[in-house]
Amino acid sequence: MAHPLTQSGHSVATIAAMVAGMTASQTPQEDTRAPAASSAPISGAGASVALLVVLFGSFMDLLDATIVTVAAPAIAQDLGAGDAQIQWMIAAYVLALGAALITGGRLGDQYGRKRLFMAGLAGFMLTSALCALAADPGMLIGMRAAQGLTAGIMVPQVFGIIRASFAPGERAKAFGAYGAVQGLASVAGPLLGGLLVEGNLFDLGWRTIFWINVPVSILALIIGARVLPESRSASTARLDLLGALLAASGILLLLLPVIQTETWGWTWASYVLLAAGTIVLAVFLAHERRLTGRGDEPVFDPALLRIRAFAIGLCASVLFFGGLGPYFLTLSVYLQNGTDRTAWETGLVILPYALGSIITSGLGVALAARAGRALLITGSLTIAASHLVLWAIVRDGNDPGYWHLALALFVGGLGLGLAAPILVNVVLAGVPGRSAGAAGGVLATVNQIGGAIGIAVLGTAFFTAVTGSAAGTPGPADHGHALGIVLAVSAVLYSVAALVMLALPKTAAEHVDQ
């Protein structure tokens, strides 16, 4: 039986929307940590150049997750990767990024945000080159995880540098520029990914999506060394590296048998891994309680779960972001392997989703302080409706026309723009100010983890359905049937998320450091 990913193709672009939503959820919350020790605030031309450098790092993080999804089928065809390996290429990056976010931020606070940003950017450049040189799927997965770790060091410094180094009048403009960069990346991702794969520059094929990071990173490093100001926090709290490692290991052990289901099946070893993951996460919680009892700063303070708004917000975040990752991965595979669209054509189909999210994101942010919960519920139900419309379009196995697909995706993007940028702030409205910083960091991490879980569960369901329903080589009907399963389940996820959001605070937190 032919591998479902080895027939044509390339992939989705707008995990941009997923990552745009995720990264939007890393919006800087009220800073409850010790005051920063930094140089005088910068302004004028120097501030503009410094801002461009740090925004470049944020742009690369968002764009890279997008482009890899676009190129996934081409990578599978070239490296002979299986379904599970394609899922790991995306999930490894997301999981590693989530595991490193909080620790990366604290490293910058203690050792200097410029220093950590430059180190993260240099590491991102190196791991991008190693991804481009990958000779087999295993090497690419490993380098993608390493790339996610370096992004987890780099991305938190963007907020820290802006917050600590820009004059108050410049700071609001800087965060506004950050939001604009997110929108630009979500639009550029589908098109640039398709263009690079289809362009096949220097006969490098999909490898150009990683090579492109190298020269631009070198330029950013040279400029950043000259213009970025240094800042750090006066806090001397110990880093909870063990906590971060335990959390990532426990989640990895839980995801491993799920993603490998098609290859391994469900054997005694699968259940052993699930049990081991549960035990490791229990050890993680016990370790975090001990740190809290000693007065140290854990990666996750279990006491946060006693805050009703936060506990509900965690559930809502996992449901919301857990549906986005697999949606774009499976949609991309369907478009390319099921309907024989090219990477460029796939990017054009997905582009309306990014455009829709840009249109409503400003509206969502503007109205969040008055109607945050209503916007979250409306956004989630709009996404659910768009998935049901798309399900009706693809389930018969025929190749839908561009405008049918584009309209359904555009509606989904409108829903994402209403909900994703404000989800964290609505949750934080119910969290005491002294806990807002810690809660915001945990929510940003959980958003990433939710995406990884979604890719594991729904991605596996999709690939199993594609191969399971095919008598020979999977065709359009097989891919349409499999995508229909993902769309139906994700529509339920967003409907349940909307119900959960009924218990969130009515309005978003206003104390955002922008």
Protein backbone atom coordinates (compact mmCIF):
# COMPACT_ATOMS: atom_id res chain seq x y z
CA MET A 1 0.00 0.00 0.00
CA ALA A 2 1.45 3.34 -0.94
CA HIS A 3 2.23 5.70 1.88
CA PRO A 4 -0.39 8.42 2.05
CA LEU A 5 2.20 11.15 2.28
CA THR A 6 4.45 10.00 -0.54
CA GLN A 7 2.32 10.81 -3.50
CA SER A 8 2.45 14.50 -4.22
CA GLY A 9 2.71 17.25 -2.15
CA HIS A 10 3.45 19.64 0.46
CA SER A 11 1.50 20.95 3.38
CA VAL A 12 -0.39 23.52 5.27
CA ALA A 13 0.67 26.86 5.95
CA THR A 14 -1.32 28.20 8.66
CA ILE A 15 -0.40 26.34 11.58
CA ALA A 16 0.34 30.00 11.34
CA ALA A 17 -3.07 30.38 12.60
CA MET A 18 -2.36 27.86 15.31
CA VAL A 19 0.95 29.38 16.20
CA ALA A 20 -0.37 32.86 15.71
CA GLY A 21 -2.99 31.98 18.26
CA MET A 22 -0.39 30.37 20.50
CA THR A 23 2.09 33.14 20.25
CA ALA A 24 -0.64 35.69 20.74
CA SER A 25 -1.32 33.92 23.99
CA GLN A 26 2.19 34.78 25.09
CA THR A 27 1.20 38.45 25.25
CA PRO A 28 3.01 40.04 28.19
CA GLN A 29 0.93 40.04 31.30
CA GLU A 30 1.28 42.14 34.41
CA ASP A 31 4.85 41.64 35.59
CA THR A 32 4.93 40.68 39.25
CA ARG A 33 8.63 39.91 39.40
CA ALA A 34 11.38 42.04 40.87
CA PRO A 35 12.21 45.28 39.08
CA ALA A 36 14.53 45.06 36.13
CA ALA A 37 18.08 46.28 36.26
CA SER A 38 18.71 47.79 32.84
CA SER A 39 20.25 50.62 30.94
CA ALA A 40 18.32 53.83 30.24
CA PRO A 41 15.23 53.36 28.03
CA ILE A 42 15.94 53.66 24.33
CA SER A 43 14.00 55.70 21.79
CA GLY A 44 14.29 57.14 18.31
CA ALA A 45 16.15 55.42 15.49
CA GLY A 46 18.05 53.12 17.86
CA ALA A 47 14.79 51.85 19.32
CA SER A 48 13.40 51.20 15.84
CA VAL A 49 16.41 49.10 14.81
CA ALA A 50 16.44 47.20 18.11
CA LEU A 51 12.73 46.50 17.74
CA LEU A 52 13.23 45.14 14.24
CA VAL A 53 15.84 42.70 15.56
CA VAL A 54 13.68 41.26 18.35
CA LEU A 55 10.58 41.15 16.18
CA PHE A 56 12.57 39.21 13.63
CA GLY A 57 13.10 36.48 16.23
CA SER A 58 9.38 36.32 16.95
CA PHE A 59 8.59 36.30 13.23
CA MET A 60 10.97 33.39 12.60
CA ASP A 61 9.43 31.30 15.37
CA LEU A 62 5.92 31.74 13.99
CA LEU A 63 6.95 31.37 10.37
CA ASP A 64 9.04 28.26 10.97
CA ALA A 65 6.20 26.25 12.47
CA THR A 66 4.06 27.29 9.52
CA ILE A 67 6.52 26.53 6.77
CA VAL A 68 7.38 23.07 8.09
CA THR A 69 3.73 22.10 7.93
CA VAL A 70 3.62 23.38 4.35
CA ALA A 71 6.57 21.19 3.40
CA ALA A 72 5.56 18.07 5.35
CA PRO A 73 4.50 15.89 2.38
CA ALA A 74 7.59 16.90 0.39
CA ILE A 75 9.78 15.99 3.37
CA ALA A 76 8.00 12.64 3.69
CA GLN A 77 8.55 11.86 0.03
CA ASP A 78 12.23 12.79 0.08
CA LEU A 79 13.21 11.18 3.40
CA GLY A 80 10.78 8.28 3.28
CA ALA A 81 9.11 9.41 6.50
CA GLY A 82 6.06 7.64 7.87
CA ASP A 83 2.89 9.18 9.22
CA ALA A 84 4.10 9.13 12.82
CA GLN A 85 7.40 10.73 11.86
CA ILE A 86 5.61 13.58 10.09
CA GLN A 87 3.57 14.20 13.23
CA TRP A 88 6.73 14.20 15.35
CA MET A 89 8.42 16.74 13.06
CA ILE A 90 5.71 19.20 14.05
CA ALA A 91 4.89 18.04 17.58
CA ALA A 92 8.55 17.86 18.66
CA TYR A 93 9.04 21.55 17.88
CA VAL A 94 5.83 22.62 19.62
CA LEU A 95 6.45 20.44 22.70
CA ALA A 96 10.08 21.56 23.08
CA LEU A 97 9.09 25.20 22.67
CA GLY A 98 6.42 24.85 25.35
CA ALA A 99 8.83 23.12 27.71
CA ALA A 100 11.40 25.90 27.38
CA LEU A 101 9.22 29.04 27.49
CA ILE A 102 9.08 29.63 31.25
CA THR A 103 12.66 28.54 31.90
CA GLY A 104 13.86 30.62 28.95
CA GLY A 105 12.17 33.70 30.36
CA ARG A 106 13.75 33.22 33.77
CA LEU A 107 17.17 32.64 32.25
CA GLY A 108 16.85 36.01 30.55
CA ASP A 109 15.74 37.65 33.78
CA GLN A 110 18.80 36.36 35.61
CA TYR A 111 21.58 36.36 33.03
CA GLY A 112 20.53 39.15 30.70
CA ARG A 113 17.78 39.28 28.11
CA LYS A 114 19.99 40.46 25.29
CA ARG A 115 22.49 37.70 26.03
CA LEU A 116 19.80 35.01 26.02
CA PHE A 117 18.09 36.41 22.94
CA MET A 118 21.37 36.34 21.03
CA ALA A 119 22.16 32.84 22.30
CA GLY A 120 18.68 31.60 21.36
CA LEU A 121 18.91 33.20 17.92
CA ALA A 122 22.36 31.68 17.30
CA GLY A 123 21.04 28.29 18.41
CA PHE A 124 17.99 28.67 16.18
CA MET A 125 20.27 29.42 13.24
CA LEU A 126 22.49 26.41 13.94
CA THR A 127 19.60 23.98 14.43
CA SER A 128 17.92 25.32 11.27
CA ALA A 129 21.08 24.46 9.33
CA LEU A 130 21.15 20.99 10.87
CA CYS A 131 17.48 20.51 9.95
CA ALA A 132 18.37 21.44 6.36
CA LEU A 133 21.18 18.86 6.40
CA ALA A 134 19.01 16.06 7.85
CA ALA A 135 19.71 12.75 6.14
CA ASP A 136 16.80 10.82 7.64
CA PRO A 137 13.55 11.44 9.54
CA GLY A 138 15.11 10.68 12.93
CA MET A 139 17.75 13.36 12.54
CA LEU A 140 15.16 15.90 11.40
CA ILE A 141 12.88 15.15 14.35
CA GLY A 142 15.80 15.53 16.77
CA MET A 143 16.87 18.81 15.24
CA ARG A 144 13.29 20.08 15.23
CA ALA A 145 13.13 19.43 18.98
CA ALA A 146 16.45 21.26 19.43
CA GLN A 147 15.11 24.10 17.28
CA GLY A 148 12.05 24.35 19.52
CA LEU A 149 14.26 24.56 22.61
CA THR A 150 16.27 27.42 21.12
CA ALA A 151 13.03 29.20 20.17
CA GLY A 152 11.86 28.73 23.76
CA ILE A 153 14.98 30.59 24.90
CA MET A 154 14.67 33.34 22.28
CA VAL A 155 10.95 34.18 22.22
CA PRO A 156 10.43 35.16 25.89
CA GLN A 157 13.26 37.70 25.63
CA VAL A 158 11.27 39.66 23.02
CA PHE A 159 8.73 40.68 25.65
CA GLY A 160 11.37 41.20 28.32
CA ILE A 161 13.50 43.45 26.12
CA ILE A 162 10.55 45.57 25.02
CA ARG A 163 9.18 45.88 28.54
CA ALA A 164 12.50 46.72 30.19
CA SER A 165 14.29 48.71 27.50
CA PHE A 166 11.74 50.91 25.74
CA ALA A 167 10.45 54.22 27.03
CA PRO A 168 6.75 54.09 28.05
CA GLY A 169 5.66 56.02 24.99
CA GLU A 170 7.60 53.69 22.69
CA ARG A 171 6.52 50.54 24.49
CA ALA A 172 2.90 50.64 23.38
CA LYS A 173 3.99 51.17 19.77
CA ALA A 174 6.46 48.29 20.09
CA PHE A 175 3.78 45.85 21.28
CA GLY A 176 1.52 47.09 18.50
CA ALA A 177 4.28 46.32 16.02
CA TYR A 178 4.58 42.87 17.56
CA GLY A 179 0.91 42.19 16.82
CA ALA A 180 1.37 43.41 13.25
CA VAL A 181 4.32 41.03 12.80
CA GLN A 182 2.14 38.14 13.93
CA GLY A 183 -0.40 39.00 11.29
CA LEU A 184 2.29 39.35 8.64
CA ALA A 185 3.79 35.97 9.52
CA SER A 186 0.40 34.26 9.35
CA VAL A 187 -0.10 35.65 5.83
CA ALA A 188 3.48 35.12 4.67
CA GLY A 189 3.73 31.55 5.97
CA PRO A 190 1.39 29.81 3.53
CA LEU A 191 2.72 31.70 0.54
CA LEU A 192 6.42 31.65 1.38
CA GLY A 193 6.32 27.97 2.30
CA GLY A 194 4.65 27.02 -0.96
CA LEU A 195 6.94 29.29 -2.96
CA LEU A 196 10.14 27.88 -1.46
CA VAL A 197 9.11 24.26 -1.91
CA GLU A 198 7.82 24.77 -5.43
CA GLY A 199 10.72 27.06 -6.42
CA ASN A 200 13.27 24.35 -5.55
CA LEU A 201 16.11 26.89 -5.30
CA PHE A 202 19.53 25.39 -6.06
CA ASP A 203 17.75 22.02 -6.33
CA LEU A 204 17.41 21.97 -2.53
CA GLY A 205 13.65 21.38 -2.47
CA TRP A 206 12.13 21.54 1.01
CA ARG A 207 15.52 22.17 2.62
CA THR A 208 15.33 25.82 1.62
CA ILE A 209 12.68 26.39 4.31
CA PHE A 210 15.45 25.87 6.87
CA TRP A 211 18.38 27.34 4.97
CA ILE A 212 16.58 30.66 4.64
CA ASN A 213 16.90 31.13 8.40
CA VAL A 214 20.70 31.11 8.29
CA PRO A 215 21.65 34.29 6.38
CA VAL A 216 18.91 36.39 7.93
CA SER A 217 19.91 35.15 11.41
CA ILE A 218 23.51 36.13 10.79
CA LEU A 219 22.39 39.62 9.80
CA ALA A 220 20.18 39.91 12.89
CA LEU A 221 23.02 38.73 15.15
CA ILE A 222 25.41 41.34 13.74
CA ILE A 223 22.90 44.17 14.13
CA GLY A 224 21.62 42.92 17.50
CA ALA A 225 25.12 42.83 18.98
CA ARG A 226 25.40 46.56 18.25
CA VAL A 227 21.95 47.94 19.06
CA LEU A 228 20.16 45.72 21.61
CA PRO A 229 20.29 47.02 25.19
CA GLU A 230 20.97 44.62 28.06
CA SER A 231 18.54 44.20 30.94
CA ARG A 232 17.91 41.70 33.70
CA SER A 233 15.77 41.23 36.78
CA ALA A 234 16.97 41.79 40.33
CA SER A 235 15.43 38.42 41.26
CA THR A 236 17.85 35.61 42.17
CA ALA A 237 15.35 32.75 42.29
CA ARG A 238 16.70 29.34 41.34
CA LEU A 239 15.78 27.86 37.98
CA ASP A 240 13.46 24.85 38.11
CA LEU A 241 15.22 22.90 35.37
CA LEU A 242 14.25 19.57 36.90
CA GLY A 243 10.58 20.58 36.87
CA ALA A 244 10.73 21.55 33.21
CA LEU A 245 12.43 18.25 32.35
CA LEU A 246 9.92 16.16 34.32
CA ALA A 247 6.94 17.91 32.71
CA ALA A 248 8.28 17.50 29.18
CA SER A 249 9.27 13.86 29.81
CA GLY A 250 5.86 12.95 31.24
CA ILE A 251 3.98 14.48 28.33
CA LEU A 252 6.35 12.87 25.82
CA LEU A 253 5.75 9.44 27.36
CA LEU A 254 1.99 9.96 27.07
CA LEU A 255 2.15 11.14 23.46
CA LEU A 256 4.58 8.48 22.24
CA PRO A 257 2.22 5.47 22.14
CA VAL A 258 -0.60 7.62 20.71
CA ILE A 259 1.41 8.93 17.75
CA GLN A 260 3.00 5.52 17.17
CA THR A 261 -0.35 3.69 17.18
CA GLU A 262 -0.34 2.96 13.44
CA THR A 263 3.22 1.60 13.60
CA TRP A 264 3.19 -0.21 16.94
CA GLY A 265 -0.47 -0.90 17.53
CA TRP A 266 -1.63 -1.06 21.14
CA THR A 267 0.63 -3.54 22.93
CA TRP A 268 1.63 -4.00 26.55
CA ALA A 269 4.53 -1.63 25.93
CA SER A 270 2.08 1.15 24.95
CA TYR A 271 0.28 0.83 28.27
CA VAL A 272 3.60 0.75 30.13
CA LEU A 273 4.55 4.05 28.48
CA LEU A 274 1.20 5.59 29.44
CA ALA A 275 1.64 4.42 33.02
CA ALA A 276 5.21 5.73 33.10
CA GLY A 277 4.08 9.11 31.79
CA THR A 278 1.40 9.33 34.47
CA ILE A 279 3.94 8.48 37.18
CA VAL A 280 6.45 11.04 35.90
CA LEU A 281 3.79 13.76 35.89
CA ALA A 282 2.84 12.79 39.46
CA VAL A 283 6.50 13.13 40.45
CA PHE A 284 6.54 16.49 38.68
CA LEU A 285 3.61 17.77 40.74
CA ALA A 286 5.19 16.52 43.97
CA HIS A 287 8.47 18.23 43.05
CA GLU A 288 6.66 21.49 42.32
CA ARG A 289 4.87 21.34 45.68
CA ARG A 290 8.18 20.88 47.48
CA LEU A 291 9.68 23.89 45.70
CA THR A 292 6.65 26.02 46.55
CA GLY A 293 6.87 24.94 50.18
CA ARG A 294 10.50 26.09 50.31
CA GLY A 295 9.62 29.48 48.84
CA ASP A 296 11.31 28.81 45.47
CA GLU A 297 9.79 29.56 42.06
CA PRO A 298 8.57 26.37 40.34
CA VAL A 299 7.75 26.00 36.66
CA PHE A 300 4.18 25.33 37.75
CA ASP A 301 2.71 26.23 41.11
CA PRO A 302 0.04 23.58 41.90
CA ALA A 303 -1.76 26.16 44.05
CA LEU A 304 -2.84 27.84 40.81
CA LEU A 305 -5.24 24.96 40.21
CA ARG A 306 -7.22 26.11 43.24
CA ILE A 307 -8.04 29.32 41.37
CA ARG A 308 -11.29 28.51 39.58
CA ALA A 309 -10.76 30.83 36.60
CA PHE A 310 -7.28 29.43 36.01
CA ALA A 311 -8.32 25.77 36.20
CA ILE A 312 -11.19 26.42 33.78
CA GLY A 313 -8.87 28.46 31.57
CA LEU A 314 -6.44 25.53 31.32
CA CYS A 315 -9.25 23.29 30.08
CA ALA A 316 -10.42 25.90 27.60
CA SER A 317 -6.86 26.44 26.29
CA VAL A 318 -6.21 22.74 25.75
CA LEU A 319 -9.49 22.32 23.87
CA PHE A 320 -9.03 25.49 21.81
CA PHE A 321 -5.42 25.04 20.74
CA GLY A 322 -5.64 21.26 20.64
CA GLY A 323 -7.93 21.55 17.64
CA LEU A 324 -5.83 23.94 15.56
CA GLY A 325 -2.62 21.98 15.01
CA PRO A 326 -4.16 18.78 13.63
CA TYR A 327 -6.68 20.82 11.63
CA PHE A 328 -4.05 22.47 9.48
CA LEU A 329 -1.79 19.42 9.24
CA THR A 330 -4.58 17.12 8.05
CA LEU A 331 -6.14 19.78 5.82
CA SER A 332 -2.79 20.25 4.10
CA VAL A 333 -2.29 16.54 3.53
CA TYR A 334 -5.85 16.32 2.20
CA LEU A 335 -5.35 19.24 -0.20
CA GLN A 336 -2.07 17.94 -1.57
CA ASN A 337 -2.35 14.17 -1.42
CA GLY A 338 -6.12 13.94 -1.75
CA THR A 339 -6.77 16.63 -4.37
CA ASP A 340 -3.30 16.85 -5.98
CA ARG A 341 -2.80 20.53 -5.21
CA THR A 342 0.74 21.86 -5.13
CA ALA A 343 2.32 23.49 -2.09
CA TRP A 344 1.72 26.92 -3.61
CA GLU A 345 -1.94 26.12 -4.35
CA THR A 346 -2.33 24.81 -0.81
CA GLY A 347 -0.94 28.04 0.57
CA LEU A 348 -3.42 30.02 -1.50
CA VAL A 349 -6.31 27.91 -0.19
CA ILE A 350 -5.26 28.43 3.42
CA LEU A 351 -4.45 32.13 3.04
CA PRO A 352 -8.08 33.26 3.67
CA TYR A 353 -7.88 31.77 7.16
CA ALA A 354 -4.97 34.05 8.02
CA LEU A 355 -6.72 37.04 6.44
CA GLY A 356 -9.88 36.35 8.44
CA SER A 357 -7.95 36.20 11.70
CA ILE A 358 -6.23 39.50 10.94
CA ILE A 359 -9.57 41.22 10.27
CA THR A 360 -11.11 40.31 13.63
CA SER A 361 -8.08 40.21 15.93
CA GLY A 362 -8.04 43.99 16.35
CA LEU A 363 -11.76 43.98 17.09
CA GLY A 364 -11.31 41.23 19.65
CA VAL A 365 -8.55 43.07 21.49
CA ALA A 366 -10.46 46.37 21.40
CA LEU A 367 -13.63 44.86 22.91
CA ALA A 368 -12.01 42.38 25.30
CA ALA A 369 -12.24 44.66 28.35
CA ARG A 370 -16.02 44.88 27.88
CA ALA A 371 -17.04 41.57 26.33
CA GLY A 372 -14.08 39.18 26.57
CA ARG A 373 -16.02 36.04 27.45
CA ALA A 374 -18.68 36.68 24.81
CA LEU A 375 -15.94 37.09 22.18
CA LEU A 376 -14.29 33.82 23.23
CA ILE A 377 -17.56 31.92 22.98
CA THR A 378 -18.47 33.55 19.67
CA GLY A 379 -15.03 32.83 18.24
CA SER A 380 -15.09 29.18 19.32
CA LEU A 381 -18.58 28.58 17.93
CA THR A 382 -17.62 30.31 14.68
CA ILE A 383 -14.65 27.98 14.29
CA ALA A 384 -16.88 24.98 15.05
CA ALA A 385 -19.36 26.14 12.40
CA SER A 386 -16.60 26.59 9.81
CA HIS A 387 -15.40 23.04 10.48
CA LEU A 388 -18.89 21.66 10.00
CA VAL A 389 -19.26 23.56 6.72
CA LEU A 390 -15.91 22.20 5.55
CA TRP A 391 -16.96 18.70 6.64
CA ALA A 392 -20.03 18.97 4.40
CA ILE A 393 -17.78 20.07 1.51
CA VAL A 394 -15.14 17.32 1.71
CA ARG A 395 -17.00 14.27 3.00
CA ASP A 396 -18.25 13.08 -0.41
CA GLY A 397 -14.69 12.66 -1.67
CA ASN A 398 -15.01 15.07 -4.58
CA ASP A 399 -12.44 17.80 -5.17
CA PRO A 400 -13.99 21.06 -3.85
CA GLY A 401 -13.45 24.23 -5.78
CA TYR A 402 -11.22 26.97 -4.44
CA TRP A 403 -13.98 29.35 -3.36
CA HIS A 404 -15.90 26.73 -1.39
CA LEU A 405 -12.77 25.92 0.59
CA ALA A 406 -11.66 29.53 0.91
CA LEU A 407 -15.01 30.69 2.30
CA ALA A 408 -15.10 28.03 4.99
CA LEU A 409 -11.51 28.81 5.96
CA PHE A 410 -12.16 32.56 5.98
CA VAL A 411 -15.02 32.07 8.44
CA GLY A 412 -12.77 29.95 10.66
CA GLY A 413 -10.14 32.69 10.61
CA LEU A 414 -12.72 35.24 11.72
CA GLY A 415 -13.44 33.04 14.74
CA LEU A 416 -9.77 32.59 15.56
CA GLY A 417 -9.13 36.33 15.49
CA LEU A 418 -11.95 36.95 17.96
CA ALA A 419 -10.77 34.40 20.51
CA ALA A 420 -7.07 33.54 20.32
CA PRO A 421 -5.47 36.92 21.10
CA ILE A 422 -7.58 37.50 24.25
CA LEU A 423 -7.97 34.04 25.76
CA VAL A 424 -5.11 34.41 28.23
CA ASN A 425 -6.20 37.88 29.35
CA VAL A 426 -9.77 36.75 29.99
CA VAL A 427 -8.49 33.87 32.10
CA LEU A 428 -6.13 36.19 34.01
CA ALA A 429 -9.03 38.48 34.89
CA GLY A 430 -9.98 35.85 37.47
CA VAL A 431 -6.44 35.38 38.81
CA PRO A 432 -5.10 37.50 41.72
CA GLY A 433 -2.53 40.08 40.59
CA ARG A 434 0.29 38.45 42.57
CA SER A 435 -0.22 35.21 40.61
CA ALA A 436 -0.90 36.72 37.17
CA GLY A 437 2.68 36.49 35.91
CA ALA A 438 3.06 32.82 36.84
CA ALA A 439 -0.40 31.95 35.54
CA GLY A 440 0.22 33.71 32.22
CA GLY A 441 3.47 31.79 31.70
CA VAL A 442 1.81 28.46 32.46
CA LEU A 443 -1.08 29.20 30.10
CA ALA A 444 1.31 30.06 27.28
CA THR A 445 3.06 26.74 27.85
CA VAL A 446 -0.21 24.79 28.02
CA ASN A 447 -1.26 26.30 24.68
CA GLN A 448 1.80 24.70 23.09
CA ILE A 449 1.21 21.40 24.85
CA GLY A 450 -2.44 21.40 23.77
CA GLY A 451 -1.30 21.74 20.16
CA ALA A 452 1.07 18.79 20.56
CA ILE A 453 -1.67 16.64 22.11
CA GLY A 454 -4.05 17.53 19.29
CA ILE A 455 -1.50 16.62 16.63
CA ALA A 456 -0.90 13.31 18.40
CA VAL A 457 -4.53 12.29 18.82
CA LEU A 458 -6.33 13.74 15.78
CA GLY A 459 -3.33 13.38 13.49
CA THR A 460 -3.15 9.69 14.33
CA ALA A 461 -6.89 9.30 13.76
CA PHE A 462 -6.56 10.95 10.34
CA PHE A 463 -3.66 8.82 9.09
CA THR A 464 -5.22 5.63 10.45
CA ALA A 465 -8.49 6.45 8.66
CA VAL A 466 -6.70 7.23 5.37
CA THR A 467 -4.90 3.90 5.22
CA GLY A 468 -7.68 1.92 6.87
CA SER A 469 -10.37 2.89 4.38
CA ALA A 470 -8.25 2.38 1.25
CA ALA A 471 -8.32 -0.86 -0.70
CA GLY A 472 -5.15 0.16 -2.52
CA THR A 473 -3.44 3.49 -2.87
CA PRO A 474 -5.42 6.06 -0.82
CA GLY A 475 -7.43 8.35 -3.08
CA PRO A 476 -9.52 11.50 -2.74
CA ALA A 477 -12.42 9.69 -1.08
CA ASP A 478 -10.12 8.15 1.54
CA HIS A 479 -8.55 11.51 2.36
CA GLY A 480 -11.95 13.22 2.39
CA HIS A 481 -13.33 10.60 4.78
CA ALA A 482 -10.33 10.94 7.09
CA LEU A 483 -10.45 14.74 7.10
CA GLY A 484 -14.19 14.56 7.80
CA ILE A 485 -13.44 12.65 11.00
CA VAL A 486 -10.99 15.32 12.15
CA LEU A 487 -13.41 18.12 11.28
CA ALA A 488 -16.33 16.51 13.11
CA VAL A 489 -14.27 15.86 16.23
CA SER A 490 -12.72 19.32 16.22
CA ALA A 491 -16.16 20.92 15.81
CA VAL A 492 -17.19 19.08 18.97
CA LEU A 493 -14.00 20.27 20.70
CA TYR A 494 -14.75 23.91 19.94
CA SER A 495 -18.38 23.53 20.98
CA VAL A 496 -17.27 22.02 24.30
CA ALA A 497 -14.67 24.80 24.64
CA ALA A 498 -17.47 27.36 24.23
CA LEU A 499 -19.44 25.68 27.03
CA VAL A 500 -16.38 25.67 29.30
CA MET A 501 -15.78 29.35 28.54
CA LEU A 502 -19.20 30.18 30.02
CA ALA A 503 -17.51 29.82 33.43
CA LEU A 504 -14.68 32.28 32.65
CA PRO A 505 -14.71 35.94 33.77
CA LYS A 506 -16.91 38.22 31.66
CA THR A 507 -14.13 40.63 30.71
CA ALA A 508 -10.41 40.50 30.04
CA ALA A 509 -7.75 41.70 32.46
CA GLU A 510 -6.85 45.31 31.82
CA HIS A 511 -3.50 45.30 33.60
CA VAL A 512 -1.41 44.28 30.61
CA ASP A 513 2.05 45.77 30.43
CA GLN A 514 1.95 47.35 27.03
